[in-house]
PDB file of N, CA and C in Angstrom:
ATOM      1  N   MET A   1     -27.838 124.067 159.672  1.00  0.00           N
ATOM      2  CA  MET A   1     -29.116 124.650 160.025  1.00  0.00           C
ATOM      3  C   MET A   1     -30.002 124.697 158.773  1.00  0.00           C
ATOM      4  N   THR A   2     -31.277 124.342 158.932  1.00  0.00           N
ATOM      5  CA  THR A   2     -32.190 124.374 157.787  1.00  0.00           C
ATOM      6  C   THR A   2     -32.737 125.785 157.580  1.00  0.00           C
ATOM      7  N   THR A   3     -33.312 125.990 156.436  1.00  0.00           N
ATOM      8  CA  THR A   3     -33.901 127.298 156.138  1.00  0.00           C
ATOM      9  C   THR A   3     -34.996 127.638 157.144  1.00  0.00           C
ATOM     10  N   ILE A   4     -35.846 126.671 157.461  1.00  0.00           N
ATOM     11  CA  ILE A   4     -36.925 126.915 158.417  1.00  0.00           C
ATOM     12  C   ILE A   4     -36.345 127.295 159.776  1.00  0.00           C
ATOM     13  N   THR A   5     -35.335 126.586 160.203  1.00  0.00           N
ATOM     14  CA  THR A   5     -34.698 126.893 161.483  1.00  0.00           C
ATOM     15  C   THR A   5     -34.109 128.300 161.462  1.00  0.00           C
ATOM     16  N   GLU A   6     -33.506 128.668 160.354  1.00  0.00           N
ATOM     17  CA  GLU A   6     -32.940 130.014 160.223  1.00  0.00           C
ATOM     18  C   GLU A   6     -34.035 131.075 160.271  1.00  0.00           C
ATOM     19  N   ILE A   7     -35.128 130.808 159.602  1.00  0.00           N
ATOM     20  CA  ILE A   7     -36.256 131.750 159.604  1.00  0.00           C
ATOM     21  C   ILE A   7     -36.823 131.877 161.013  1.00  0.00           C
ATOM     22  N   GLU A   8     -37.009 130.752 161.677  1.00  0.00           N
ATOM     23  CA  GLU A   8     -37.530 130.784 163.049  1.00  0.00           C
ATOM     24  C   GLU A   8     -36.610 131.585 163.964  1.00  0.00           C
ATOM     25  N   ALA A   9     -35.317 131.388 163.823  1.00  0.00           N
ATOM     26  CA  ALA A   9     -34.354 132.120 164.655  1.00  0.00           C
ATOM     27  C   ALA A   9     -34.430 133.619 164.364  1.00  0.00           C
ATOM     28  N   ALA A  10     -34.524 133.978 163.083  1.00  0.00           N
ATOM     29  CA  ALA A  10     -34.615 135.395 162.714  1.00  0.00           C
ATOM     30  C   ALA A  10     -35.893 136.008 163.264  1.00  0.00           C
ATOM     31  N   ILE A  11     -36.990 135.279 163.175  1.00  0.00           N
ATOM     32  CA  ILE A  11     -38.264 135.787 163.687  1.00  0.00           C
ATOM     33  C   ILE A  11     -38.186 136.019 165.187  1.00  0.00           C
ATOM     34  N   SER A  12     -37.556 135.105 165.889  1.00  0.00           N
ATOM     35  CA  SER A  12     -37.475 135.242 167.349  1.00  0.00           C
ATOM     36  C   SER A  12     -36.667 136.470 167.774  1.00  0.00           C
ATOM     37  N   ARG A  13     -35.851 137.007 166.870  1.00  0.00           N
ATOM     38  CA  ARG A  13     -35.043 138.191 167.186  1.00  0.00           C
ATOM     39  C   ARG A  13     -35.705 139.501 166.748  1.00  0.00           C
ATOM     40  N   LEU A  14     -36.849 139.426 166.089  1.00  0.00           N
ATOM     41  CA  LEU A  14     -37.508 140.641 165.603  1.00  0.00           C
ATOM     42  C   LEU A  14     -38.041 141.481 166.754  1.00  0.00           C
ATOM     43  N   PRO A  15     -37.946 142.805 166.626  1.00  0.00           N
ATOM     44  CA  PRO A  15     -38.629 143.683 167.578  1.00  0.00           C
ATOM     45  C   PRO A  15     -40.144 143.521 167.405  1.00  0.00           C
ATOM     46  N   ALA A  16     -40.893 143.855 168.422  1.00  0.00           N
ATOM     47  CA  ALA A  16     -42.347 143.640 168.427  1.00  0.00           C
ATOM     48  C   ALA A  16     -43.037 144.254 167.215  1.00  0.00           C
ATOM     49  N   ASN A  17     -42.656 145.476 166.844  1.00  0.00           N
ATOM     50  CA  ASN A  17     -43.337 146.129 165.712  1.00  0.00           C
ATOM     51  C   ASN A  17     -43.057 145.406 164.395  1.00  0.00           C
ATOM     52  N   GLU A  18     -41.840 144.913 164.202  1.00  0.00           N
ATOM     53  CA  GLU A  18     -41.524 144.181 162.977  1.00  0.00           C
ATOM     54  C   GLU A  18     -42.179 142.798 162.984  1.00  0.00           C
ATOM     55  N   PHE A  19     -42.285 142.197 164.146  1.00  0.00           N
ATOM     56  CA  PHE A  19     -42.991 140.921 164.252  1.00  0.00           C
ATOM     57  C   PHE A  19     -44.456 141.113 163.864  1.00  0.00           C
ATOM     58  N   ALA A  20     -45.073 142.189 164.325  1.00  0.00           N
ATOM     59  CA  ALA A  20     -46.471 142.467 163.977  1.00  0.00           C
ATOM     60  C   ALA A  20     -46.614 142.676 162.472  1.00  0.00           C
ATOM     61  N   GLU A  21     -45.669 143.365 161.857  1.00  0.00           N
ATOM     62  CA  GLU A  21     -45.702 143.556 160.400  1.00  0.00           C
ATOM     63  C   GLU A  21     -45.584 142.220 159.678  1.00  0.00           C
ATOM     64  N   LEU A  22     -44.714 141.357 160.167  1.00  0.00           N
ATOM     65  CA  LEU A  22     -44.541 140.036 159.563  1.00  0.00           C
ATOM     66  C   LEU A  22     -45.822 139.216 159.667  1.00  0.00           C
ATOM     67  N   VAL A  23     -46.443 139.234 160.834  1.00  0.00           N
ATOM     68  CA  VAL A  23     -47.682 138.491 161.030  1.00  0.00           C
ATOM     69  C   VAL A  23     -48.758 138.987 160.067  1.00  0.00           C
ATOM     70  N   ALA A  24     -48.887 140.291 159.936  1.00  0.00           N
ATOM     71  CA  ALA A  24     -49.887 140.854 159.019  1.00  0.00           C
ATOM     72  C   ALA A  24     -49.593 140.422 157.586  1.00  0.00           C
ATOM     73  N   TRP A  25     -48.317 140.468 157.192  1.00  0.00           N
ATOM     74  CA  TRP A  25     -47.936 140.051 155.844  1.00  0.00           C
ATOM     75  C   TRP A  25     -48.255 138.573 155.626  1.00  0.00           C
ATOM     76  N   LEU A  26     -47.919 137.734 156.599  1.00  0.00           N
ATOM     77  CA  LEU A  26     -48.187 136.298 156.468  1.00  0.00           C
ATOM     78  C   LEU A  26     -49.682 136.013 156.356  1.00  0.00           C
ATOM     79  N   GLN A  27     -50.489 136.729 157.127  1.00  0.00           N
ATOM     80  CA  GLN A  27     -51.938 136.528 157.041  1.00  0.00           C
ATOM     81  C   GLN A  27     -52.456 136.893 155.653  1.00  0.00           C
ATOM     82  N   GLU A  28     -51.991 137.998 155.112  1.00  0.00           N
ATOM     83  CA  GLU A  28     -52.407 138.416 153.764  1.00  0.00           C
ATOM     84  C   GLU A  28     -51.918 137.418 152.720  1.00  0.00           C
ATOM     85  N   TYR A  29     -50.681 136.994 152.853  1.00  0.00           N
ATOM     86  CA  TYR A  29     -50.103 136.021 151.922  1.00  0.00           C
ATOM     87  C   TYR A  29     -50.894 134.719 151.947  1.00  0.00           C
ATOM     88  N   HIS A  30     -51.243 134.273 153.131  1.00  0.00           N
ATOM     89  CA  HIS A  30     -52.017 133.040 153.276  1.00  0.00           C
ATOM     90  C   HIS A  30     -53.402 133.189 152.658  1.00  0.00           C
ATOM     91  N   ALA A  31     -54.041 134.328 152.893  1.00  0.00           N
ATOM     92  CA  ALA A  31     -55.374 134.571 152.329  1.00  0.00           C
ATOM     93  C   ALA A  31     -55.324 134.574 150.803  1.00  0.00           C
ATOM     94  N   GLU A  32     -54.303 135.190 150.235  1.00  0.00           N
ATOM     95  CA  GLU A  32     -54.171 135.223 148.777  1.00  0.00           C
ATOM     96  C   GLU A  32     -53.908 133.827 148.214  1.00  0.00           C
ATOM     97  N   ALA A  33     -53.088 133.040 148.911  1.00  0.00           N
ATOM     98  CA  ALA A  33     -52.824 131.665 148.469  1.00  0.00           C
ATOM     99  C   ALA A  33     -54.113 130.842 148.518  1.00  0.00           C
ATOM    100  N   TRP A  34     -54.903 131.031 149.562  1.00  0.00           N
ATOM    101  CA  TRP A  34     -56.178 130.327 149.695  1.00  0.00           C
ATOM    102  C   TRP A  34     -57.112 130.712 148.543  1.00  0.00           C
ATOM    103  N   ASP A  35     -57.180 132.003 148.244  1.00  0.00           N
ATOM    104  CA  ASP A  35     -58.020 132.460 147.129  1.00  0.00           C
ATOM    105  C   ASP A  35     -57.593 131.820 145.815  1.00  0.00           C
ATOM    106  N   ARG A  36     -56.276 131.769 145.575  1.00  0.00           N
ATOM    107  CA  ARG A  36     -55.780 131.150 144.333  1.00  0.00           C
ATOM    108  C   ARG A  36     -56.154 129.665 144.276  1.00  0.00           C
ATOM    109  N   GLN A  37     -56.083 128.983 145.419  1.00  0.00           N
ATOM    110  CA  GLN A  37     -56.430 127.562 145.454  1.00  0.00           C
ATOM    111  C   GLN A  37     -57.917 127.361 145.167  1.00  0.00           C
ATOM    112  N   ILE A  38     -58.770 128.182 145.763  1.00  0.00           N
ATOM    113  CA  ILE A  38     -60.217 128.086 145.528  1.00  0.00           C
ATOM    114  C   ILE A  38     -60.518 128.342 144.050  1.00  0.00           C
ATOM    115  N   GLU A  39     -59.886 129.365 143.485  1.00  0.00           N
ATOM    116  CA  GLU A  39     -60.102 129.666 142.064  1.00  0.00           C
ATOM    117  C   GLU A  39     -59.662 128.503 141.178  1.00  0.00           C
ATOM    118  N   ALA A  40     -58.542 127.895 141.511  1.00  0.00           N
ATOM    119  CA  ALA A  40     -58.057 126.747 140.737  1.00  0.00           C
ATOM    120  C   ALA A  40     -59.012 125.564 140.877  1.00  0.00           C
ATOM    121  N   ASP A  41     -59.493 125.327 142.085  1.00  0.00           N
ATOM    122  CA  ASP A  41     -60.445 124.234 142.309  1.00  0.00           C
ATOM    123  C   ASP A  41     -61.749 124.472 141.557  1.00  0.00           C
ATOM    124  N   LEU A  42     -62.214 125.714 141.565  1.00  0.00           N
ATOM    125  CA  LEU A  42     -63.432 126.046 140.813  1.00  0.00           C
ATOM    126  C   LEU A  42     -63.226 125.813 139.319  1.00  0.00           C
ATOM    127  N   ALA A  43     -62.124 126.295 138.800  1.00  0.00           N
ATOM    128  CA  ALA A  43     -61.844 126.159 137.370  1.00  0.00           C
ATOM    129  C   ALA A  43     -61.712 124.692 136.964  1.00  0.00           C
ATOM    130  N   ALA A  44     -61.203 123.864 137.850  1.00  0.00           N
ATOM    131  CA  ALA A  44     -61.004 122.443 137.547  1.00  0.00           C
ATOM    132  C   ALA A  44     -62.267 121.616 137.805  1.00  0.00           C
ATOM    133  N   GLY A  45     -63.305 122.257 138.348  1.00  0.00           N
ATOM    134  CA  GLY A  45     -64.548 121.536 138.592  1.00  0.00           C
ATOM    135  C   GLY A  45     -64.561 120.725 139.881  1.00  0.00           C
ATOM    136  N   ARG A  46     -63.545 120.901 140.723  1.00  0.00           N
ATOM    137  CA  ARG A  46     -63.482 120.105 141.951  1.00  0.00           C
ATOM    138  C   ARG A  46     -64.526 120.505 142.990  1.00  0.00           C
ATOM    139  N   LEU A  47     -65.170 121.648 142.789  1.00  0.00           N
ATOM    140  CA  LEU A  47     -66.185 122.098 143.746  1.00  0.00           C
ATOM    141  C   LEU A  47     -67.601 121.986 143.178  1.00  0.00           C
ATOM    142  N   ASP A  48     -67.725 121.441 141.986  1.00  0.00           N
ATOM    143  CA  ASP A  48     -69.036 121.366 141.339  1.00  0.00           C
ATOM    144  C   ASP A  48     -70.067 120.624 142.181  1.00  0.00           C
ATOM    145  N   ALA A  49     -69.696 119.506 142.763  1.00  0.00           N
ATOM    146  CA  ALA A  49     -70.649 118.722 143.559  1.00  0.00           C
ATOM    147  C   ALA A  49     -71.104 119.511 144.778  1.00  0.00           C
ATOM    148  N   LEU A  50     -70.190 120.195 145.432  1.00  0.00           N
ATOM    149  CA  LEU A  50     -70.556 120.995 146.604  1.00  0.00           C
ATOM    150  C   LEU A  50     -71.449 122.165 146.215  1.00  0.00           C
ATOM    151  N   LEU A  51     -71.145 122.810 145.103  1.00  0.00           N
ATOM    152  CA  LEU A  51     -71.977 123.919 144.650  1.00  0.00           C
ATOM    153  C   LEU A  51     -73.379 123.446 144.292  1.00  0.00           C
ATOM    154  N   SER A  52     -73.466 122.318 143.654  1.00  0.00           N
ATOM    155  CA  SER A  52     -74.770 121.763 143.300  1.00  0.00           C
ATOM    156  C   SER A  52     -75.575 121.428 144.550  1.00  0.00           C
ATOM    157  N   GLU A  53     -74.916 120.841 145.528  1.00  0.00           N
ATOM    158  CA  GLU A  53     -75.594 120.506 146.786  1.00  0.00           C
ATOM    159  C   GLU A  53     -76.093 121.772 147.486  1.00  0.00           C
ATOM    160  N   ALA A  54     -75.278 122.811 147.507  1.00  0.00           N
ATOM    161  CA  ALA A  54     -75.675 124.069 148.135  1.00  0.00           C
ATOM    162  C   ALA A  54     -76.849 124.698 147.398  1.00  0.00           C
ATOM    163  N   GLU A  55     -76.819 124.655 146.070  1.00  0.00           N
ATOM    164  CA  GLU A  55     -77.929 125.201 145.292  1.00  0.00           C
ATOM    165  C   GLU A  55     -79.217 124.439 145.563  1.00  0.00           C
ATOM    166  N   ASN A  56     -79.138 123.112 145.651  1.00  0.00           N
ATOM    167  CA  ASN A  56     -80.321 122.301 145.946  1.00  0.00           C
ATOM    168  C   ASN A  56     -80.872 122.617 147.326  1.00  0.00           C
ATOM    169  N   GLU A  57     -80.011 122.754 148.312  1.00  0.00           N
ATOM    170  CA  GLU A  57     -80.460 123.089 149.662  1.00  0.00           C
ATOM    171  C   GLU A  57     -81.100 124.469 149.687  1.00  0.00           C
ATOM    172  N   TYR A  58     -80.528 125.405 148.947  1.00  0.00           N
ATOM    173  CA  TYR A  58     -81.082 126.751 148.885  1.00  0.00           C
ATOM    174  C   TYR A  58     -82.488 126.707 148.280  1.00  0.00           C
ATOM    175  N   ARG A  59     -82.654 125.932 147.209  1.00  0.00           N
ATOM    176  CA  ARG A  59     -83.974 125.826 146.583  1.00  0.00           C
ATOM    177  C   ARG A  59     -85.000 125.275 147.562  1.00  0.00           C
ATOM    178  N   VAL A  60     -84.622 124.250 148.311  1.00  0.00           N
ATOM    179  CA  VAL A  60     -85.533 123.638 149.291  1.00  0.00           C
ATOM    180  C   VAL A  60     -85.893 124.654 150.375  1.00  0.00           C
ATOM    181  N   MET A  61     -84.872 125.350 150.880  1.00  0.00           N
ATOM    182  CA  MET A  61     -85.105 126.319 151.964  1.00  0.00           C
ATOM    183  C   MET A  61     -85.944 127.497 151.476  1.00  0.00           C
ATOM    184  N   SER A  62     -85.688 127.978 150.266  1.00  0.00           N
ATOM    185  CA  SER A  62     -86.415 129.148 149.774  1.00  0.00           C
ATOM    186  C   SER A  62     -87.838 128.820 149.339  1.00  0.00           C
ATOM    187  N   SER A  63     -88.114 127.527 149.132  1.00  0.00           N
ATOM    188  CA  SER A  63     -89.466 127.151 148.753  1.00  0.00           C
ATOM    189  C   SER A  63     -90.316 126.792 149.977  1.00  0.00           C
ATOM    190  N   GLY A  64     -89.744 126.994 151.159  1.00  0.00           N
ATOM    191  CA  GLY A  64     -90.489 126.745 152.382  1.00  0.00           C
ATOM    192  C   GLY A  64     -90.442 125.311 152.837  1.00  0.00           C
ATOM    193  N   GLY A  65     -89.555 124.503 152.247  1.00  0.00           N
ATOM    194  CA  GLY A  65     -89.483 123.085 152.548  1.00  0.00           C
ATOM    195  C   GLY A  65     -88.556 122.782 153.624  1.00  0.00           C
TER     196      GLY A  65
END
């Protein structure tokens, strides 16, 4: 049995309240991982082109164009 299969089996046996706690934890964990990825992408400059495009669009929109 693989680790994922074992985890899935354990999850399927959880009582409803513990399953809800697990879901909440996973959502928070996922959000934190996403934040770390965005921060890493920003630091590496991988979002520079998108940020520049957004700034240009904002300038056009705010100038009435």
